[in-house]
PDB file of N, CA and C in Angstrom:
ATOM      1  N   MET A   1      21.866  -4.955   3.059  1.00  0.00           N
ATOM      2  CA  MET A   1      20.621  -5.242   3.583  1.00  0.00           C
ATOM      3  C   MET A   1      19.946  -6.036   2.060  1.00  0.00           C
ATOM      4  N   SER A   2      18.440  -7.583   3.291  1.00  0.00           N
ATOM      5  CA  SER A   2      18.146  -8.000   1.695  1.00  0.00           C
ATOM      6  C   SER A   2      16.723  -7.372   2.925  1.00  0.00           C
ATOM      7  N   LEU A   3      15.296  -7.484   1.970  1.00  0.00           N
ATOM      8  CA  LEU A   3      14.361  -7.315   1.587  1.00  0.00           C
ATOM      9  C   LEU A   3      13.224  -7.796   3.060  1.00  0.00           C
ATOM     10  N   PRO A   4      12.904  -7.051   3.302  1.00  0.00           N
ATOM     11  CA  PRO A   4      11.027  -8.570   4.206  1.00  0.00           C
ATOM     12  C   PRO A   4      11.077  -9.582   3.683  1.00  0.00           C
ATOM     13  N   LYS A   5      10.309 -10.390   3.354  1.00  0.00           N
ATOM     14  CA  LYS A   5       9.779 -11.608   3.219  1.00  0.00           C
ATOM     15  C   LYS A   5       8.063 -10.373   2.668  1.00  0.00           C
ATOM     16  N   PRO A   6       6.996 -10.561   1.873  1.00  0.00           N
ATOM     17  CA  PRO A   6       6.369  -9.715   1.985  1.00  0.00           C
ATOM     18  C   PRO A   6       5.311 -10.279   2.183  1.00  0.00           C
ATOM     19  N   ILE A   7       4.339  -9.914   3.271  1.00  0.00           N
ATOM     20  CA  ILE A   7       3.825 -10.697   4.272  1.00  0.00           C
ATOM     21  C   ILE A   7       2.096 -10.426   4.293  1.00  0.00           C
ATOM     22  N   PRO A   8       1.410 -11.061   4.335  1.00  0.00           N
ATOM     23  CA  PRO A   8       0.560  -9.340   4.502  1.00  0.00           C
ATOM     24  C   PRO A   8       0.332  -8.760   6.311  1.00  0.00           C
ATOM     25  N   GLY A   9       0.214  -8.085   6.427  1.00  0.00           N
ATOM     26  CA  GLY A   9       0.040  -6.808   7.128  1.00  0.00           C
ATOM     27  C   GLY A   9       1.227  -5.571   7.284  1.00  0.00           C
ATOM     28  N   LEU A  10       2.589  -6.222   7.052  1.00  0.00           N
ATOM     29  CA  LEU A  10       3.588  -5.576   6.764  1.00  0.00           C
ATOM     30  C   LEU A  10       3.884  -4.649   5.720  1.00  0.00           C
ATOM     31  N   VAL A  11       3.773  -3.933   6.846  1.00  0.00           N
ATOM     32  CA  VAL A  11       3.879  -2.118   6.094  1.00  0.00           C
ATOM     33  C   VAL A  11       5.356  -1.894   5.543  1.00  0.00           C
ATOM     34  N   ILE A  12       5.125  -0.904   4.176  1.00  0.00           N
ATOM     35  CA  ILE A  12       6.014  -0.768   3.223  1.00  0.00           C
ATOM     36  C   ILE A  12       6.073   0.407   2.487  1.00  0.00           C
ATOM     37  N   SER A  13       6.940   0.709   2.370  1.00  0.00           N
ATOM     38  CA  SER A  13       7.547   1.850   2.058  1.00  0.00           C
ATOM     39  C   SER A  13       7.335   1.808   0.431  1.00  0.00           C
ATOM     40  N   TYR A  14       5.989   2.749  -0.070  1.00  0.00           N
ATOM     41  CA  TYR A  14       6.074   2.451  -1.876  1.00  0.00           C
ATOM     42  C   TYR A  14       5.407   3.441  -2.810  1.00  0.00           C
ATOM     43  N   SER A  15       5.659   3.610  -3.816  1.00  0.00           N
ATOM     44  CA  SER A  15       5.348   5.155  -4.174  1.00  0.00           C
ATOM     45  C   SER A  15       4.170   4.370  -4.879  1.00  0.00           C
ATOM     46  N   TYR A  16       2.685   4.677  -4.469  1.00  0.00           N
ATOM     47  CA  TYR A  16       1.750   4.373  -4.532  1.00  0.00           C
ATOM     48  C   TYR A  16       0.957   5.042  -6.080  1.00  0.00           C
ATOM     49  N   LEU A  17       0.057   4.495  -6.851  1.00  0.00           N
ATOM     50  CA  LEU A  17      -0.236   5.088  -7.609  1.00  0.00           C
ATOM     51  C   LEU A  17      -2.242   5.043  -7.670  1.00  0.00           C
ATOM     52  N   TRP A  18      -2.091   6.578  -7.539  1.00  0.00           N
ATOM     53  CA  TRP A  18      -3.474   6.296  -6.973  1.00  0.00           C
ATOM     54  C   TRP A  18      -4.910   6.053  -8.108  1.00  0.00           C
ATOM     55  N   VAL A  19      -5.963   6.152  -8.540  1.00  0.00           N
ATOM     56  CA  VAL A  19      -6.451   5.712  -9.597  1.00  0.00           C
ATOM     57  C   VAL A  19      -6.436   6.414 -10.616  1.00  0.00           C
ATOM     58  N   ARG A  20      -7.119   8.387  -9.420  1.00  0.00           N
ATOM     59  CA  ARG A  20      -6.156   9.883 -10.573  1.00  0.00           C
ATOM     60  C   ARG A  20      -5.879   9.785 -11.103  1.00  0.00           C
ATOM     61  N   GLU A  21      -4.797   9.644 -10.012  1.00  0.00           N
ATOM     62  CA  GLU A  21      -3.415   9.411 -11.317  1.00  0.00           C
ATOM     63  C   GLU A  21      -3.178   8.845 -12.387  1.00  0.00           C
ATOM     64  N   HIS A  22      -3.228   7.669 -12.731  1.00  0.00           N
ATOM     65  CA  HIS A  22      -3.354   7.068 -13.687  1.00  0.00           C
ATOM     66  C   HIS A  22      -4.398   7.204 -14.791  1.00  0.00           C
ATOM     67  N   GLU A  23      -5.473   8.401 -14.292  1.00  0.00           N
ATOM     68  CA  GLU A  23      -6.802   8.788 -14.912  1.00  0.00           C
ATOM     69  C   GLU A  23      -5.933   9.925 -15.436  1.00  0.00           C
ATOM     70  N   LYS A  24      -5.079  10.773 -15.203  1.00  0.00           N
ATOM     71  CA  LYS A  24      -4.139  11.587 -15.709  1.00  0.00           C
ATOM     72  C   LYS A  24      -3.002  11.184 -16.446  1.00  0.00           C
ATOM     73  N   GLY A  25      -3.033  10.288 -16.574  1.00  0.00           N
ATOM     74  CA  GLY A  25      -1.483   9.662 -17.393  1.00  0.00           C
ATOM     75  C   GLY A  25      -0.317   9.255 -16.519  1.00  0.00           C
ATOM     76  N   ALA A  26      -0.316   9.212 -15.803  1.00  0.00           N
ATOM     77  CA  ALA A  26      -0.124   9.216 -14.841  1.00  0.00           C
ATOM     78  C   ALA A  26       0.603   7.529 -14.643  1.00  0.00           C
ATOM     79  N   GLU A  27       2.313   7.337 -14.495  1.00  0.00           N
ATOM     80  CA  GLU A  27       2.765   6.062 -14.529  1.00  0.00           C
ATOM     81  C   GLU A  27       3.221   4.756 -13.241  1.00  0.00           C
ATOM     82  N   GLU A  28       3.109   6.166 -11.695  1.00  0.00           N
ATOM     83  CA  GLU A  28       3.803   5.489 -11.039  1.00  0.00           C
ATOM     84  C   GLU A  28       3.075   7.489  -9.751  1.00  0.00           C
ATOM     85  N   GLY A  29       3.459   6.350  -8.977  1.00  0.00           N
ATOM     86  CA  GLY A  29       3.341   7.447  -7.288  1.00  0.00           C
ATOM     87  C   GLY A  29       4.358   8.600  -7.328  1.00  0.00           C
ATOM     88  N   ARG A  30       3.195   9.839  -6.891  1.00  0.00           N
ATOM     89  CA  ARG A  30       4.304  10.925  -6.982  1.00  0.00           C
ATOM     90  C   ARG A  30       4.717  10.137  -5.710  1.00  0.00           C
ATOM     91  N   LYS A  31       5.020  10.252  -4.537  1.00  0.00           N
ATOM     92  CA  LYS A  31       5.343  10.106  -3.453  1.00  0.00           C
ATOM     93  C   LYS A  31       5.558   8.985  -3.068  1.00  0.00           C
ATOM     94  N   ASN A  32       6.779   8.346  -1.795  1.00  0.00           N
ATOM     95  CA  ASN A  32       6.099   7.046  -1.758  1.00  0.00           C
ATOM     96  C   ASN A  32       5.255   7.334  -0.419  1.00  0.00           C
ATOM     97  N   ARG A  33       5.016   7.067   0.099  1.00  0.00           N
ATOM     98  CA  ARG A  33       3.941   6.711   0.873  1.00  0.00           C
ATOM     99  C   ARG A  33       3.937   4.936   2.045  1.00  0.00           C
ATOM    100  N   PRO A  34       3.646   4.985   3.449  1.00  0.00           N
ATOM    101  CA  PRO A  34       3.516   3.481   3.838  1.00  0.00           C
ATOM    102  C   PRO A  34       2.023   2.971   3.060  1.00  0.00           C
ATOM    103  N   CYS A  35       2.287   2.123   3.364  1.00  0.00           N
ATOM    104  CA  CYS A  35       1.433   1.306   2.199  1.00  0.00           C
ATOM    105  C   CYS A  35       1.272  -0.898   3.033  1.00  0.00           C
ATOM    106  N   ALA A  36       0.184  -1.099   3.488  1.00  0.00           N
ATOM    107  CA  ALA A  36       0.005  -2.155   4.358  1.00  0.00           C
ATOM    108  C   ALA A  36       0.232  -3.276   3.006  1.00  0.00           C
ATOM    109  N   ILE A  37       0.290  -3.937   3.127  1.00  0.00           N
ATOM    110  CA  ILE A  37       0.609  -5.138   2.045  1.00  0.00           C
ATOM    111  C   ILE A  37      -0.361  -5.833   2.979  1.00  0.00           C
ATOM    112  N   VAL A  38      -1.368  -6.148   1.091  1.00  0.00           N
ATOM    113  CA  VAL A  38      -2.611  -7.045   1.840  1.00  0.00           C
ATOM    114  C   VAL A  38      -2.583  -8.742   1.246  1.00  0.00           C
ATOM    115  N   ALA A  39      -2.302  -8.781   0.321  1.00  0.00           N
ATOM    116  CA  ALA A  39      -1.834 -10.323  -0.206  1.00  0.00           C
ATOM    117  C   ALA A  39      -1.218 -10.127  -1.117  1.00  0.00           C
ATOM    118  N   ALA A  40      -0.065 -11.629  -1.288  1.00  0.00           N
ATOM    119  CA  ALA A  40       1.254 -11.879  -1.332  1.00  0.00           C
ATOM    120  C   ALA A  40       1.330 -13.059  -2.415  1.00  0.00           C
ATOM    121  N   ARG A  41       1.545 -13.311  -4.049  1.00  0.00           N
ATOM    122  CA  ARG A  41       1.012 -14.667  -4.559  1.00  0.00           C
ATOM    123  C   ARG A  41       2.165 -14.770  -5.455  1.00  0.00           C
ATOM    124  N   ARG A  42       2.345 -16.361  -5.630  1.00  0.00           N
ATOM    125  CA  ARG A  42       4.185 -16.509  -6.232  1.00  0.00           C
ATOM    126  C   ARG A  42       3.764 -16.931  -7.649  1.00  0.00           C
ATOM    127  N   VAL A  43       3.715 -16.197  -8.797  1.00  0.00           N
ATOM    128  CA  VAL A  43       2.786 -16.304 -10.015  1.00  0.00           C
ATOM    129  C   VAL A  43       3.851 -17.050 -10.851  1.00  0.00           C
ATOM    130  N   VAL A  44       3.712 -17.649 -12.335  1.00  0.00           N
ATOM    131  CA  VAL A  44       4.213 -18.818 -13.259  1.00  0.00           C
ATOM    132  C   VAL A  44       6.437 -18.273 -12.864  1.00  0.00           C
ATOM    133  N   GLU A  45       6.143 -17.967 -13.902  1.00  0.00           N
ATOM    134  CA  GLU A  45       7.538 -16.799 -13.858  1.00  0.00           C
ATOM    135  C   GLU A  45       8.262 -17.013 -12.339  1.00  0.00           C
ATOM    136  N   GLY A  46       7.992 -17.788 -11.118  1.00  0.00           N
ATOM    137  CA  GLY A  46       8.688 -17.171  -9.993  1.00  0.00           C
ATOM    138  C   GLY A  46       9.096 -15.824  -9.187  1.00  0.00           C
ATOM    139  N   ARG A  47       8.088 -15.309 -10.241  1.00  0.00           N
ATOM    140  CA  ARG A  47       8.365 -13.575  -9.409  1.00  0.00           C
ATOM    141  C   ARG A  47       6.842 -13.360  -8.350  1.00  0.00           C
ATOM    142  N   GLU A  48       6.851 -12.908  -7.234  1.00  0.00           N
ATOM    143  CA  GLU A  48       5.343 -12.341  -6.503  1.00  0.00           C
ATOM    144  C   GLU A  48       5.086 -11.533  -7.338  1.00  0.00           C
ATOM    145  N   VAL A  49       3.562 -11.438  -7.094  1.00  0.00           N
ATOM    146  CA  VAL A  49       2.710 -10.368  -6.946  1.00  0.00           C
ATOM    147  C   VAL A  49       1.866  -9.967  -6.177  1.00  0.00           C
ATOM    148  N   ILE A  50       2.215  -8.625  -5.705  1.00  0.00           N
ATOM    149  CA  ILE A  50       2.519  -8.016  -3.965  1.00  0.00           C
ATOM    150  C   ILE A  50       1.417  -6.993  -4.403  1.00  0.00           C
ATOM    151  N   THR A  51      -0.129  -7.188  -3.841  1.00  0.00           N
ATOM    152  CA  THR A  51      -1.121  -6.286  -3.921  1.00  0.00           C
ATOM    153  C   THR A  51      -1.261  -6.050  -2.404  1.00  0.00           C
ATOM    154  N   VAL A  52      -1.214  -3.982  -2.327  1.00  0.00           N
ATOM    155  CA  VAL A  52      -0.997  -3.524  -2.002  1.00  0.00           C
ATOM    156  C   VAL A  52      -1.733  -2.269  -1.182  1.00  0.00           C
ATOM    157  N   VAL A  53      -2.220  -1.320   0.022  1.00  0.00           N
ATOM    158  CA  VAL A  53      -3.777  -0.646  -0.140  1.00  0.00           C
ATOM    159  C   VAL A  53      -2.464   0.540   1.055  1.00  0.00           C
ATOM    160  N   PRO A  54      -2.887   2.159   0.070  1.00  0.00           N
ATOM    161  CA  PRO A  54      -1.880   2.967   0.998  1.00  0.00           C
ATOM    162  C   PRO A  54      -2.360   2.960   2.164  1.00  0.00           C
ATOM    163  N   VAL A  55      -1.962   3.961   3.269  1.00  0.00           N
ATOM    164  CA  VAL A  55      -2.067   4.471   4.406  1.00  0.00           C
ATOM    165  C   VAL A  55      -2.183   5.838   5.001  1.00  0.00           C
ATOM    166  N   THR A  56      -3.115   6.317   4.162  1.00  0.00           N
ATOM    167  CA  THR A  56      -2.977   7.684   4.346  1.00  0.00           C
ATOM    168  C   THR A  56      -4.167   8.880   5.445  1.00  0.00           C
ATOM    169  N   HIS A  57      -4.480   9.613   5.641  1.00  0.00           N
ATOM    170  CA  HIS A  57      -4.641  10.433   6.700  1.00  0.00           C
ATOM    171  C   HIS A  57      -6.343  10.697   6.171  1.00  0.00           C
ATOM    172  N   SER A  58      -6.621  10.388   4.257  1.00  0.00           N
ATOM    173  CA  SER A  58      -7.217  11.446   4.185  1.00  0.00           C
ATOM    174  C   SER A  58      -8.907   9.806   3.681  1.00  0.00           C
ATOM    175  N   PRO A  59     -10.048  10.521   4.417  1.00  0.00           N
ATOM    176  CA  PRO A  59     -11.267   9.812   4.088  1.00  0.00           C
ATOM    177  C   PRO A  59     -11.568   9.941   2.590  1.00  0.00           C
ATOM    178  N   PRO A  60     -11.728   7.734   2.297  1.00  0.00           N
ATOM    179  CA  PRO A  60     -12.124   7.869   1.257  1.00  0.00           C
ATOM    180  C   PRO A  60     -13.977   8.488   0.574  1.00  0.00           C
ATOM    181  N   ALA A  61     -14.340   8.783   0.153  1.00  0.00           N
ATOM    182  CA  ALA A  61     -15.647   9.766  -0.214  1.00  0.00           C
ATOM    183  C   ALA A  61     -16.368   8.622   0.058  1.00  0.00           C
ATOM    184  N   ASP A  62     -15.739   7.158  -0.277  1.00  0.00           N
ATOM    185  CA  ASP A  62     -16.853   5.860   0.204  1.00  0.00           C
ATOM    186  C   ASP A  62     -16.343   5.696   1.911  1.00  0.00           C
ATOM    187  N   PRO A  63     -16.827   5.704   2.513  1.00  0.00           N
ATOM    188  CA  PRO A  63     -15.980   5.120   4.427  1.00  0.00           C
ATOM    189  C   PRO A  63     -16.172   3.292   4.156  1.00  0.00           C
ATOM    190  N   ALA A  64     -17.046   3.224   3.510  1.00  0.00           N
ATOM    191  CA  ALA A  64     -17.090   1.481   2.960  1.00  0.00           C
ATOM    192  C   ALA A  64     -15.694   1.112   2.303  1.00  0.00           C
ATOM    193  N   ASP A  65     -15.061   1.196   1.792  1.00  0.00           N
ATOM    194  CA  ASP A  65     -13.504   1.584   1.225  1.00  0.00           C
ATOM    195  C   ASP A  65     -12.734   1.263   1.984  1.00  0.00           C
ATOM    196  N   ALA A  66     -12.611   1.777   3.389  1.00  0.00           N
ATOM    197  CA  ALA A  66     -11.952   2.011   4.019  1.00  0.00           C
ATOM    198  C   ALA A  66     -11.401   0.869   5.355  1.00  0.00           C
ATOM    199  N   VAL A  67     -10.421   1.052   5.907  1.00  0.00           N
ATOM    200  CA  VAL A  67     -10.127   0.390   7.378  1.00  0.00           C
ATOM    201  C   VAL A  67      -9.156   1.660   8.312  1.00  0.00           C
ATOM    202  N   GLU A  68     -10.402   1.261   9.595  1.00  0.00           N
ATOM    203  CA  GLU A  68      -9.396   2.209  10.585  1.00  0.00           C
ATOM    204  C   GLU A  68      -8.514   1.865  10.798  1.00  0.00           C
ATOM    205  N   ILE A  69      -7.391   2.424  11.386  1.00  0.00           N
ATOM    206  CA  ILE A  69      -5.649   1.395  11.649  1.00  0.00           C
ATOM    207  C   ILE A  69      -5.637   2.125  13.394  1.00  0.00           C
ATOM    208  N   PRO A  70      -5.978   0.975  13.960  1.00  0.00           N
ATOM    209  CA  PRO A  70      -5.455   1.121  15.271  1.00  0.00           C
ATOM    210  C   PRO A  70      -4.650   1.979  15.509  1.00  0.00           C
ATOM    211  N   ALA A  71      -4.426   2.944  17.419  1.00  0.00           N
ATOM    212  CA  ALA A  71      -4.130   3.845  17.323  1.00  0.00           C
ATOM    213  C   ALA A  71      -3.121   4.031  17.359  1.00  0.00           C
ATOM    214  N   PRO A  72      -2.698   2.713  18.080  1.00  0.00           N
ATOM    215  CA  PRO A  72      -1.155   2.564  18.601  1.00  0.00           C
ATOM    216  C   PRO A  72      -0.674   2.403  17.488  1.00  0.00           C
ATOM    217  N   LEU A  73      -0.824   2.035  16.312  1.00  0.00           N
ATOM    218  CA  LEU A  73       0.068   1.208  15.379  1.00  0.00           C
ATOM    219  C   LEU A  73      -0.164   2.632  14.488  1.00  0.00           C
ATOM    220  N   LYS A  74      -1.650   3.824  14.673  1.00  0.00           N
ATOM    221  CA  LYS A  74      -0.934   5.145  14.151  1.00  0.00           C
ATOM    222  C   LYS A  74       0.296   5.769  15.192  1.00  0.00           C
ATOM    223  N   ALA A  75       0.108   5.572  15.867  1.00  0.00           N
ATOM    224  CA  ALA A  75       1.220   6.486  16.483  1.00  0.00           C
ATOM    225  C   ALA A  75       2.809   6.263  15.723  1.00  0.00           C
ATOM    226  N   HIS A  76       2.879   5.219  15.615  1.00  0.00           N
ATOM    227  CA  HIS A  76       4.024   4.316  15.796  1.00  0.00           C
ATOM    228  C   HIS A  76       4.508   4.816  14.315  1.00  0.00           C
ATOM    229  N   LEU A  77       3.522   4.646  13.227  1.00  0.00           N
ATOM    230  CA  LEU A  77       3.841   4.634  11.809  1.00  0.00           C
ATOM    231  C   LEU A  77       4.072   6.450  11.586  1.00  0.00           C
ATOM    232  N   VAL A  78       3.354   7.075  12.687  1.00  0.00           N
ATOM    233  CA  VAL A  78       4.168   8.387  12.086  1.00  0.00           C
ATOM    234  C   VAL A  78       5.298   9.467  11.842  1.00  0.00           C
TER     235      VAL A  78
END
């Protein structure tokens, strides 16, 4: 099975590393979680660098750091 082309809006399962985990010395996230791809770009070596954001039920300390997912999509991801 081939992987889908990474396009903005695609939700993937990814071992997201939170800043607080990184600050404690972790190099990889503790568990896979749904993440939305927000950007994909090709670099010189032919490898793609993908920018993702985690999908979580926990609100951030600053509400400006979040985008609410529409209810139908939330239900689909559960």
